[in-house]
C-alpha atoms as a PDB file:
ATOM      1  CA  MET A   1      -0.245  -0.300  -0.092  1.00  0.00           C
ATOM      2  CA  ASP A   2       1.292   3.819  -1.000  1.00  0.00           C
ATOM      3  CA  SER A   3       1.279   5.484   2.159  1.00  0.00           C
ATOM      4  CA  SER A   4       2.193   8.789   1.118  1.00  0.00           C
ATOM      5  CA  THR A   5      -1.575   9.781   1.734  1.00  0.00           C
ATOM      6  CA  LEU A   6      -1.480   8.929   4.960  1.00  0.00           C
ATOM      7  CA  PHE A   7      -2.115  11.659   7.387  1.00  0.00           C
ATOM      8  CA  SER A   8       1.250  11.106   9.166  1.00  0.00           C
ATOM      9  CA  VAL A   9       0.706  13.983  11.847  1.00  0.00           C
ATOM     10  CA  ALA A  10      -0.137  13.973  15.670  1.00  0.00           C
ATOM     11  CA  PRO A  11      -3.734  14.817  16.626  1.00  0.00           C
ATOM     12  CA  THR A  12      -3.758  18.350  18.853  1.00  0.00           C
ATOM     13  CA  PHE A  13      -5.063  16.422  21.577  1.00  0.00           C
ATOM     14  CA  PRO A  14      -4.111  15.050  24.358  1.00  0.00           C
ATOM     15  CA  MET A  15      -1.476  17.453  24.957  1.00  0.00           C
ATOM     16  CA  ASP A  16       1.616  16.984  26.326  1.00  0.00           C
ATOM     17  CA  GLU A  17       2.059  18.722  29.860  1.00  0.00           C
ATOM     18  CA  GLY A  18       6.018  19.096  29.600  1.00  0.00           C
ATOM     19  CA  ARG A  19       5.287  21.325  25.999  1.00  0.00           C
ATOM     20  CA  ILE A  20       2.556  23.342  28.191  1.00  0.00           C
ATOM     21  CA  ARG A  21       5.218  24.136  30.854  1.00  0.00           C
ATOM     22  CA  ASP A  22       8.234  24.679  28.879  1.00  0.00           C
ATOM     23  CA  ARG A  23       6.370  26.974  26.357  1.00  0.00           C
ATOM     24  CA  SER A  24       5.028  29.140  29.282  1.00  0.00           C
ATOM     25  CA  ARG A  25       8.415  29.144  30.703  1.00  0.00           C
ATOM     26  CA  GLU A  26       9.894  30.350  26.945  1.00  0.00           C
ATOM     27  CA  MET A  27       6.805  33.139  27.132  1.00  0.00           C
ATOM     28  CA  MET A  28       7.526  34.268  30.779  1.00  0.00           C
ATOM     29  CA  LEU A  29      11.375  34.635  29.664  1.00  0.00           C
ATOM     30  CA  ARG A  30      11.072  36.473  26.745  1.00  0.00           C
ATOM     31  CA  SER A  31       8.441  38.589  28.510  1.00  0.00           C
ATOM     32  CA  PRO A  32       9.394  42.649  29.649  1.00  0.00           C
ATOM     33  CA  SER A  33       7.721  41.646  32.952  1.00  0.00           C
ATOM     34  CA  THR A  34      10.602  39.471  33.850  1.00  0.00           C
ATOM     35  CA  TRP A  35      13.689  41.158  31.912  1.00  0.00           C
ATOM     36  CA  VAL A  36      12.568  44.974  32.733  1.00  0.00           C
ATOM     37  CA  PRO A  37      12.243  44.606  36.222  1.00  0.00           C
ATOM     38  CA  LEU A  38      15.612  42.940  36.420  1.00  0.00           C
ATOM     39  CA  LEU A  39      17.423  45.998  34.449  1.00  0.00           C
ATOM     40  CA  ILE A  40      15.525  48.572  36.864  1.00  0.00           C
ATOM     41  CA  ALA A  41      17.206  46.909  39.543  1.00  0.00           C
ATOM     42  CA  GLY A  42      20.644  46.640  37.781  1.00  0.00           C
ATOM     43  CA  ALA A  43      20.424  50.496  36.906  1.00  0.00           C
ATOM     44  CA  VAL A  44      19.457  51.154  40.123  1.00  0.00           C
ATOM     45  CA  GLY A  45      22.169  49.515  41.927  1.00  0.00           C
ATOM     46  CA  PHE A  46      24.897  51.128  39.567  1.00  0.00           C
ATOM     47  CA  ALA A  47      23.528  54.849  40.353  1.00  0.00           C
ATOM     48  CA  LEU A  48      23.582  53.897  43.744  1.00  0.00           C
ATOM     49  CA  GLU A  49      26.546  52.532  43.605  1.00  0.00           C
ATOM     50  CA  ALA A  50      25.453  49.785  46.267  1.00  0.00           C
ATOM     51  CA  GLY A  51      28.405  47.219  45.806  1.00  0.00           C
ATOM     52  CA  MET A  52      28.339  43.712  44.878  1.00  0.00           C
ATOM     53  CA  ALA A  53      26.348  42.967  48.100  1.00  0.00           C
ATOM     54  CA  GLY A  54      24.194  45.488  46.884  1.00  0.00           C
ATOM     55  CA  PHE A  55      23.390  44.332  43.605  1.00  0.00           C
ATOM     56  CA  VAL A  56      22.924  40.960  44.922  1.00  0.00           C
ATOM     57  CA  LEU A  57      20.145  42.075  47.280  1.00  0.00           C
ATOM     58  CA  LEU A  58      18.235  43.926  44.720  1.00  0.00           C
ATOM     59  CA  LEU A  59      18.717  41.888  42.501  1.00  0.00           C
ATOM     60  CA  GLY A  60      17.529  38.859  44.790  1.00  0.00           C
ATOM     61  CA  VAL A  61      14.849  40.850  46.014  1.00  0.00           C
ATOM     62  CA  THR A  62      13.670  41.770  42.394  1.00  0.00           C
ATOM     63  CA  ALA A  63      14.076  38.198  41.594  1.00  0.00           C
ATOM     64  CA  ALA A  64      11.461  37.440  44.403  1.00  0.00           C
ATOM     65  CA  LEU A  65       9.055  39.988  43.235  1.00  0.00           C
ATOM     66  CA  VAL A  66       9.077  38.617  39.637  1.00  0.00           C
ATOM     67  CA  PHE A  67       8.992  35.306  40.781  1.00  0.00           C
ATOM     68  CA  ARG A  68       5.775  35.803  42.498  1.00  0.00           C
ATOM     69  CA  TYR A  69       3.872  37.778  40.269  1.00  0.00           C
ATOM     70  CA  TRP A  70       4.296  34.784  37.433  1.00  0.00           C
ATOM     71  CA  ASN A  71       2.853  32.517  39.840  1.00  0.00           C
ATOM     72  CA  LYS A  72      -0.259  34.364  40.091  1.00  0.00           C
ATOM     73  CA  GLN A  73       0.155  35.003  36.776  1.00  0.00           C
ATOM     74  CA  ARG A  74       0.658  30.938  35.885  1.00  0.00           C
ATOM     75  CA  PRO A  75      -3.026  30.011  34.829  1.00  0.00           C
ATOM     76  CA  ALA A  76      -3.265  32.642  32.123  1.00  0.00           C
ATOM     77  CA  VAL A  77       0.430  32.076  31.000  1.00  0.00           C
ATOM     78  CA  ASP A  78      -0.592  28.403  30.397  1.00  0.00           C
ATOM     79  CA  ALA A  79      -3.741  28.880  28.582  1.00  0.00           C
ATOM     80  CA  ALA A  80      -2.148  31.224  26.296  1.00  0.00           C
ATOM     81  CA  SER A  81       0.131  28.604  25.570  1.00  0.00           C
ATOM     82  CA  VAL A  82      -2.234  26.187  24.999  1.00  0.00           C
ATOM     83  CA  ARG A  83      -3.604  28.304  22.697  1.00  0.00           C
ATOM     84  CA  GLU A  84      -0.211  28.977  21.247  1.00  0.00           C
ATOM     85  CA  LEU A  85       0.359  25.201  20.781  1.00  0.00           C
ATOM     86  CA  ILE A  86      -3.420  24.358  19.261  1.00  0.00           C
ATOM     87  CA  GLY A  87      -2.765  26.841  16.541  1.00  0.00           C
ATOM     88  CA  GLU A  88       0.737  25.467  15.764  1.00  0.00           C
ATOM     89  CA  SER A  89      -0.619  21.879  15.911  1.00  0.00           C
ATOM     90  CA  ASN A  90      -3.429  23.251  13.527  1.00  0.00           C
ATOM     91  CA  ALA A  91      -1.465  24.693  10.897  1.00  0.00           C
ATOM     92  CA  GLU A  92       0.918  21.761  10.848  1.00  0.00           C
ATOM     93  CA  GLN A  93      -2.457  19.356  10.524  1.00  0.00           C
ATOM     94  CA  ASP A  94      -3.277  21.746   7.226  1.00  0.00           C
ATOM     95  CA  GLN A  95      -0.330  21.691   5.864  1.00  0.00           C
ATOM     96  CA  GLU A  96      -0.062  17.492   5.870  1.00  0.00           C
ATOM     97  CA  LEU A  97      -3.721  17.752   4.173  1.00  0.00           C
ATOM     98  CA  LYS A  98      -2.678  20.282   1.833  1.00  0.00           C
ATOM     99  CA  ARG A  99       0.591  17.955   1.048  1.00  0.00           C
ATOM    100  CA  ILE A 100      -1.899  14.616   0.746  1.00  0.00           C
ATOM    101  CA  ILE A 101      -4.173  17.031  -1.493  1.00  0.00           C
ATOM    102  CA  GLY A 102      -1.065  17.750  -4.180  1.00  0.00           C
ATOM    103  CA  ASN A 103      -0.150  14.342  -3.842  1.00  0.00           C
ATOM    104  CA  LEU A 104      -3.997  12.876  -4.830  1.00  0.00           C
ATOM    105  CA  THR A 105      -3.532  15.878  -7.523  1.00  0.00           C
ATOM    106  CA  SER A 106      -0.583  14.814  -9.021  1.00  0.00           C
ATOM    107  CA  LYS A 107      -1.291  11.025  -9.232  1.00  0.00           C
ATOM    108  CA  GLY A 108      -4.362  12.055 -10.915  1.00  0.00           C
ATOM    109  CA  LEU A 109      -7.423  11.576  -8.577  1.00  0.00           C
ATOM    110  CA  PRO A 110      -8.622  15.195  -8.226  1.00  0.00           C
ATOM    111  CA  GLN A 111     -12.015  13.891  -7.632  1.00  0.00           C
ATOM    112  CA  TYR A 112     -10.600  12.793  -3.724  1.00  0.00           C
ATOM    113  CA  ALA A 113      -7.960  16.173  -4.015  1.00  0.00           C
ATOM    114  CA  GLN A 114     -11.234  17.820  -4.273  1.00  0.00           C
ATOM    115  CA  GLY A 115     -13.433  15.986  -1.900  1.00  0.00           C
ATOM    116  CA  LEU A 116     -10.290  16.413   0.888  1.00  0.00           C
ATOM    117  CA  GLY A 117      -9.874  20.018   0.136  1.00  0.00           C
ATOM    118  CA  ARG A 118     -13.667  20.362   1.590  1.00  0.00           C
ATOM    119  CA  PHE A 119     -12.752  18.620   4.240  1.00  0.00           C
ATOM    120  CA  LEU A 120      -9.740  21.271   5.011  1.00  0.00           C
ATOM    121  CA  SER A 121     -11.534  24.033   4.944  1.00  0.00           C
ATOM    122  CA  LEU A 122     -14.802  22.604   7.238  1.00  0.00           C
ATOM    123  CA  LYS A 123     -11.687  21.394   9.393  1.00  0.00           C
ATOM    124  CA  GLN A 124     -10.383  25.042   9.558  1.00  0.00           C
ATOM    125  CA  LYS A 125     -13.660  27.028   9.876  1.00  0.00           C
ATOM    126  CA  ILE A 126     -14.649  24.076  13.269  1.00  0.00           C
ATOM    127  CA  GLU A 127     -11.435  25.190  14.891  1.00  0.00           C
ATOM    128  CA  LYS A 128     -11.654  28.816  14.260  1.00  0.00           C
ATOM    129  CA  GLU A 129     -15.446  29.159  15.219  1.00  0.00           C
ATOM    130  CA  VAL A 130     -14.940  26.240  18.470  1.00  0.00           C
ATOM    131  CA  HIS A 131     -12.028  28.314  20.008  1.00  0.00           C
ATOM    132  CA  HIS A 132     -13.483  32.171  19.056  1.00  0.00           C
ATOM    133  CA  SER A 133     -16.507  31.239  21.533  1.00  0.00           C
ATOM    134  CA  LYS A 134     -15.851  31.558  25.184  1.00  0.00           C
ATOM    135  CA  HIS A 135     -19.297  29.819  25.515  1.00  0.00           C
ATOM    136  CA  LEU A 136     -17.878  26.641  23.435  1.00  0.00           C
ATOM    137  CA  ALA A 137     -14.488  26.120  25.495  1.00  0.00           C
ATOM    138  CA  VAL A 138     -15.769  23.275  27.519  1.00  0.00           C
ATOM    139  CA  PHE A 139     -16.177  21.248  24.218  1.00  0.00           C
ATOM    140  CA  SER A 140     -12.926  22.232  22.381  1.00  0.00           C
ATOM    141  CA  GLN A 141     -10.869  19.769  23.149  1.00  0.00           C
ATOM    142  CA  GLU A 142     -13.336  16.615  22.599  1.00  0.00           C
ATOM    143  CA  VAL A 143     -14.210  18.694  18.988  1.00  0.00           C
ATOM    144  CA  GLU A 144     -10.222  18.975  17.800  1.00  0.00           C
ATOM    145  CA  LYS A 145     -10.028  15.070  18.863  1.00  0.00           C
ATOM    146  CA  GLY A 146     -12.815  14.450  16.515  1.00  0.00           C
ATOM    147  CA  VAL A 147     -12.047  16.733  13.770  1.00  0.00           C
ATOM    148  CA  ASP A 148      -8.386  15.218  14.024  1.00  0.00           C
ATOM    149  CA  GLY A 149      -9.823  11.816  13.607  1.00  0.00           C
ATOM    150  CA  ILE A 150     -12.212  12.350  11.087  1.00  0.00           C
ATOM    151  CA  CYS A 151      -9.696  13.829   8.607  1.00  0.00           C
ATOM    152  CA  ALA A 152      -6.422  11.298   9.411  1.00  0.00           C
ATOM    153  CA  GLU A 153      -9.512   8.203   8.793  1.00  0.00           C
ATOM    154  CA  VAL A 154     -10.830   9.840   5.502  1.00  0.00           C
ATOM    155  CA  CYS A 155      -7.118  10.047   4.708  1.00  0.00           C
ATOM    156  CA  ARG A 156      -6.666   6.293   5.388  1.00  0.00           C
ATOM    157  CA  GLU A 157     -10.088   5.438   3.348  1.00  0.00           C
ATOM    158  CA  ILE A 158      -8.865   7.242   0.225  1.00  0.00           C
ATOM    159  CA  THR A 159      -5.967   5.613   0.626  1.00  0.00           C
ATOM    160  CA  GLY A 160      -7.583   1.812   0.876  1.00  0.00           C
ATOM    161  CA  ILE A 161      -9.763   3.240  -2.088  1.00  0.00           C
ATOM    162  CA  ARG A 162      -6.340   3.989  -4.036  1.00  0.00           C
ATOM    163  CA  ALA A 163      -4.453   0.603  -3.118  1.00  0.00           C
ATOM    164  CA  ARG A 164      -7.951  -1.517  -3.976  1.00  0.00           C
ATOM    165  CA  GLU A 165      -7.843  -0.319  -7.302  1.00  0.00           C
ATOM    166  CA  GLU A 166      -4.629  -0.952  -7.931  1.00  0.00           C
ATOM    167  CA  GLY A 167      -6.041  -4.797  -8.122  1.00  0.00           C
ATOM    168  CA  LEU A 168      -8.685  -3.776 -10.421  1.00  0.00           C
ATOM    169  CA  GLY A 169      -7.230  -5.027 -13.870  1.00  0.00           C
ATOM    170  CA  GLU A 170      -6.441  -8.251 -12.845  1.00  0.00           C
ATOM    171  CA  ILE A 171     -10.048  -8.462 -11.188  1.00  0.00           C
ATOM    172  CA  LEU A 172     -11.775  -7.720 -14.703  1.00  0.00           C
ATOM    173  CA  THR A 173      -9.747 -10.128 -16.301  1.00  0.00           C
ATOM    174  CA  SER A 174     -10.089 -12.890 -13.979  1.00  0.00           C
ATOM    175  CA  ARG A 175     -13.662 -14.304 -15.008  1.00  0.00           C
ATOM    176  CA  ASP A 176     -14.669 -13.778 -11.748  1.00  0.00           C
ATOM    177  CA  PRO A 177     -17.534 -11.672 -11.321  1.00  0.00           C
ATOM    178  CA  THR A 178     -17.817 -12.027  -7.607  1.00  0.00           C
ATOM    179  CA  ARG A 179     -14.667 -10.534  -6.623  1.00  0.00           C
ATOM    180  CA  LEU A 180     -15.616  -7.476  -8.957  1.00  0.00           C
ATOM    181  CA  ASP A 181     -18.990  -7.705  -6.756  1.00  0.00           C
ATOM    182  CA  ARG A 182     -16.633  -7.368  -3.633  1.00  0.00           C
ATOM    183  CA  LEU A 183     -14.364  -4.780  -4.941  1.00  0.00           C
ATOM    184  CA  GLU A 184     -17.478  -2.451  -5.686  1.00  0.00           C
ATOM    185  CA  SER A 185     -19.477  -2.960  -2.250  1.00  0.00           C
ATOM    186  CA  ALA A 186     -15.783  -2.313  -0.252  1.00  0.00           C
ATOM    187  CA  ARG A 187     -15.501   1.139  -2.292  1.00  0.00           C
ATOM    188  CA  ASN A 188     -19.279   2.289  -2.110  1.00  0.00           C
ATOM    189  CA  LYS A 189     -18.900   1.373   1.748  1.00  0.00           C
ATOM    190  CA  SER A 190     -15.818   3.792   2.211  1.00  0.00           C
ATOM    191  CA  HIS A 191     -17.195   6.289  -0.252  1.00  0.00           C
ATOM    192  CA  ALA A 192     -20.719   6.246   2.048  1.00  0.00           C
ATOM    193  CA  ALA A 193     -18.258   6.788   5.130  1.00  0.00           C
ATOM    194  CA  ILE A 194     -16.551   9.957   3.476  1.00  0.00           C
ATOM    195  CA  LEU A 195     -19.839  11.309   2.767  1.00  0.00           C
ATOM    196  CA  ASN A 196     -21.227  10.131   5.806  1.00  0.00           C
ATOM    197  CA  ALA A 197     -18.031  11.844   7.583  1.00  0.00           C
ATOM    198  CA  TYR A 198     -18.366  15.323   5.374  1.00  0.00           C
ATOM    199  CA  THR A 199     -22.219  15.511   6.541  1.00  0.00           C
ATOM    200  CA  SER A 200     -21.121  15.281  10.206  1.00  0.00           C
ATOM    201  CA  LEU A 201     -19.092  17.831  10.234  1.00  0.00           C
ATOM    202  CA  TYR A 202     -21.129  20.038   8.294  1.00  0.00           C
ATOM    203  CA  GLN A 203     -23.360  19.181  10.916  1.00  0.00           C
ATOM    204  CA  VAL A 204     -21.083  20.299  14.120  1.00  0.00           C
ATOM    205  CA  HIS A 205     -20.090  23.284  12.223  1.00  0.00           C
ATOM    206  CA  ALA A 206     -23.897  24.605  11.760  1.00  0.00           C
ATOM    207  CA  GLU A 207     -24.121  23.640  15.664  1.00  0.00           C
ATOM    208  CA  ILE A 208     -21.006  25.933  16.491  1.00  0.00           C
ATOM    209  CA  LEU A 209     -22.570  28.775  14.429  1.00  0.00           C
ATOM    210  CA  GLY A 210     -25.935  28.583  16.159  1.00  0.00           C
ATOM    211  CA  LEU A 211     -27.793  27.878  12.972  1.00  0.00           C
ATOM    212  CA  VAL A 212     -29.292  24.635  13.572  1.00  0.00           C
ATOM    213  CA  SER A 213     -31.342  23.594  17.023  1.00  0.00           C
ATOM    214  CA  ASP A 214     -32.107  19.553  16.785  1.00  0.00           C
ATOM    215  CA  PRO A 215     -28.994  17.136  17.397  1.00  0.00           C
ATOM    216  CA  LEU A 216     -27.876  14.832  14.962  1.00  0.00           C
ATOM    217  CA  GLU A 217     -29.887  11.579  14.910  1.00  0.00           C
ATOM    218  CA  ARG A 218     -27.501   8.681  16.103  1.00  0.00           C
ATOM    219  CA  LYS A 219     -27.151   5.782  13.472  1.00  0.00           C
ATOM    220  CA  THR A 220     -24.565   2.971  13.806  1.00  0.00           C
ATOM    221  CA  PRO A 221     -24.516   0.251  11.264  1.00  0.00           C
ATOM    222  CA  GLU A 222     -25.400  -3.159  12.783  1.00  0.00           C
ATOM    223  CA  ASP A 223     -22.681  -4.808  10.621  1.00  0.00           C
ATOM    224  CA  ALA A 224     -20.022  -2.657  10.401  1.00  0.00           C
ATOM    225  CA  LYS A 225     -17.186  -5.110  11.961  1.00  0.00           C
ATOM    226  CA  ASP A 226     -14.570  -5.504   9.588  1.00  0.00           C
ATOM    227  CA  GLN A 227     -15.569  -3.278   7.017  1.00  0.00           C
ATOM    228  CA  PRO A 228     -14.826  -0.358   5.086  1.00  0.00           C
ATOM    229  CA  GLY A 229     -15.545   2.602   7.016  1.00  0.00           C
ATOM    230  CA  GLN A 230     -15.516   0.833  10.178  1.00  0.00           C
ATOM    231  CA  ARG A 231     -13.307   3.109  12.364  1.00  0.00           C
ATOM    232  CA  LEU A 232     -14.630   6.120  10.643  1.00  0.00           C
ATOM    233  CA  GLN A 233     -17.985   5.240  11.812  1.00  0.00           C
ATOM    234  CA  GLU A 234     -16.624   4.577  15.515  1.00  0.00           C
ATOM    235  CA  ILE A 235     -15.182   8.584  15.386  1.00  0.00           C
ATOM    236  CA  LEU A 236     -18.306   9.539  14.113  1.00  0.00           C
ATOM    237  CA  GLY A 237     -20.292   8.196  16.966  1.00  0.00           C
ATOM    238  CA  GLY A 238     -18.386  10.372  19.153  1.00  0.00           C
ATOM    239  CA  LEU A 239     -18.311  13.524  17.079  1.00  0.00           C
ATOM    240  CA  ARG A 240     -22.378  13.248  17.111  1.00  0.00           C
ATOM    241  CA  ASP A 241     -22.227  12.958  20.440  1.00  0.00           C
ATOM    242  CA  GLU A 242     -20.100  16.443  20.832  1.00  0.00           C
ATOM    243  CA  ALA A 243     -22.840  17.780  18.101  1.00  0.00           C
ATOM    244  CA  ASP A 244     -25.572  16.947  20.360  1.00  0.00           C
ATOM    245  CA  MET A 245     -23.919  18.461  23.369  1.00  0.00           C
ATOM    246  CA  ILE A 246     -23.168  21.506  21.436  1.00  0.00           C
ATOM    247  CA  ALA A 247     -26.739  21.821  20.262  1.00  0.00           C
ATOM    248  CA  ARG A 248     -28.114  21.318  23.951  1.00  0.00           C
ATOM    249  CA  THR A 249     -25.237  24.175  25.394  1.00  0.00           C
ATOM    250  CA  HIS A 250     -26.811  26.690  22.527  1.00  0.00           C
ATOM    251  CA  GLU A 251     -30.178  25.974  23.654  1.00  0.00           C
ATOM    252  CA  ARG A 252     -28.946  26.382  27.155  1.00  0.00           C
ATOM    253  CA  ILE A 253     -27.393  29.973  25.666  1.00  0.00           C
ATOM    254  CA  ARG A 254     -30.357  30.990  24.310  1.00  0.00           C
ATOM    255  CA  ARG A 255     -32.682  30.452  27.265  1.00  0.00           C
ATOM    256  CA  THR A 256     -29.991  32.121  29.281  1.00  0.00           C
ATOM    257  CA  LEU A 257     -30.116  34.946  27.102  1.00  0.00           C
ATOM    258  CA  GLU A 258     -33.577  35.403  27.636  1.00  0.00           C
ATOM    259  CA  GLU A 259     -34.013  35.139  30.989  1.00  0.00           C
ATOM    260  CA  CYS A 260     -30.612  36.936  32.562  1.00  0.00           C
ATOM    261  CA  PRO A 261     -29.241  38.409  29.693  1.00  0.00           C
ATOM    262  CA  SER A 262     -26.825  40.320  32.090  1.00  0.00           C
ATOM    263  CA  ALA A 263     -25.458  37.174  33.850  1.00  0.00           C
ATOM    264  CA  VAL A 264     -23.792  35.523  30.388  1.00  0.00           C
ATOM    265  CA  GLU A 265     -21.718  38.194  30.276  1.00  0.00           C
ATOM    266  CA  THR A 266     -20.323  37.705  33.849  1.00  0.00           C
ATOM    267  CA  THR A 267     -20.324  34.367  34.560  1.00  0.00           C
ATOM    268  CA  LYS A 268     -17.374  32.015  33.238  1.00  0.00           C
ATOM    269  CA  PRO A 269     -17.808  29.347  30.450  1.00  0.00           C
ATOM    270  CA  GLY A 270     -20.260  26.692  31.397  1.00  0.00           C
ATOM    271  CA  ALA A 271     -22.030  28.673  34.320  1.00  0.00           C
ATOM    272  CA  PHE A 272     -25.298  29.796  33.569  1.00  0.00           C
ATOM    273  CA  CYS A 273     -28.178  30.929  35.839  1.00  0.00           C
END
């Protein structure tokens, strides 16, 4: 199997805690709130001719105050680090999808390239909107997982279709109609799985925008085991759950806006009156 169209970039979540800590440390070190007070302390010590002991004392007190300041700011810094890492991860995934789209185009498969391009566009819209709204922040990680998983599995399905198609010439001259029937059945199931994936992502985006209010209907295939698109259907199940939750959240938000609009502006995400 040609793996050049497989999605090889890691999902955004789960996010390594060590990466968050390292990024937060970098942000604090390069912040003026860290080095400006130390420069001022050094300048004061020089102006007062404090000597070595004075310099050490001034810098020590200043460093302690800076450390205390960042301890209080740590939750906000970590949140900013997570946002930055999410943006970098999503950009890397987008580049990977663009690579695969180019690969499909160069191999004479523009129909799959066009389809995957629409998945990429919808992925970007969902990620932008889900992180833009404070009311949906509680769902952002699970939606990210679902979207990342869907895109990876769509690439896997397309790769599987290509691998099966490579044997079409031999099948057409095999004098065995059942082999052709099996190939057609597998292709149809993969196409249906990709179509359902796009439909579900489109519905999730609509829910995020608050354009629809009815939760998605959950449909689980009875004979999905070991069939093309099985893993894709499993991921879709989780994504549908997220769409349901988003729809219910929008209902709560709308009710809150009607009942106590002033409270929405002052409460934290997920807290409703």
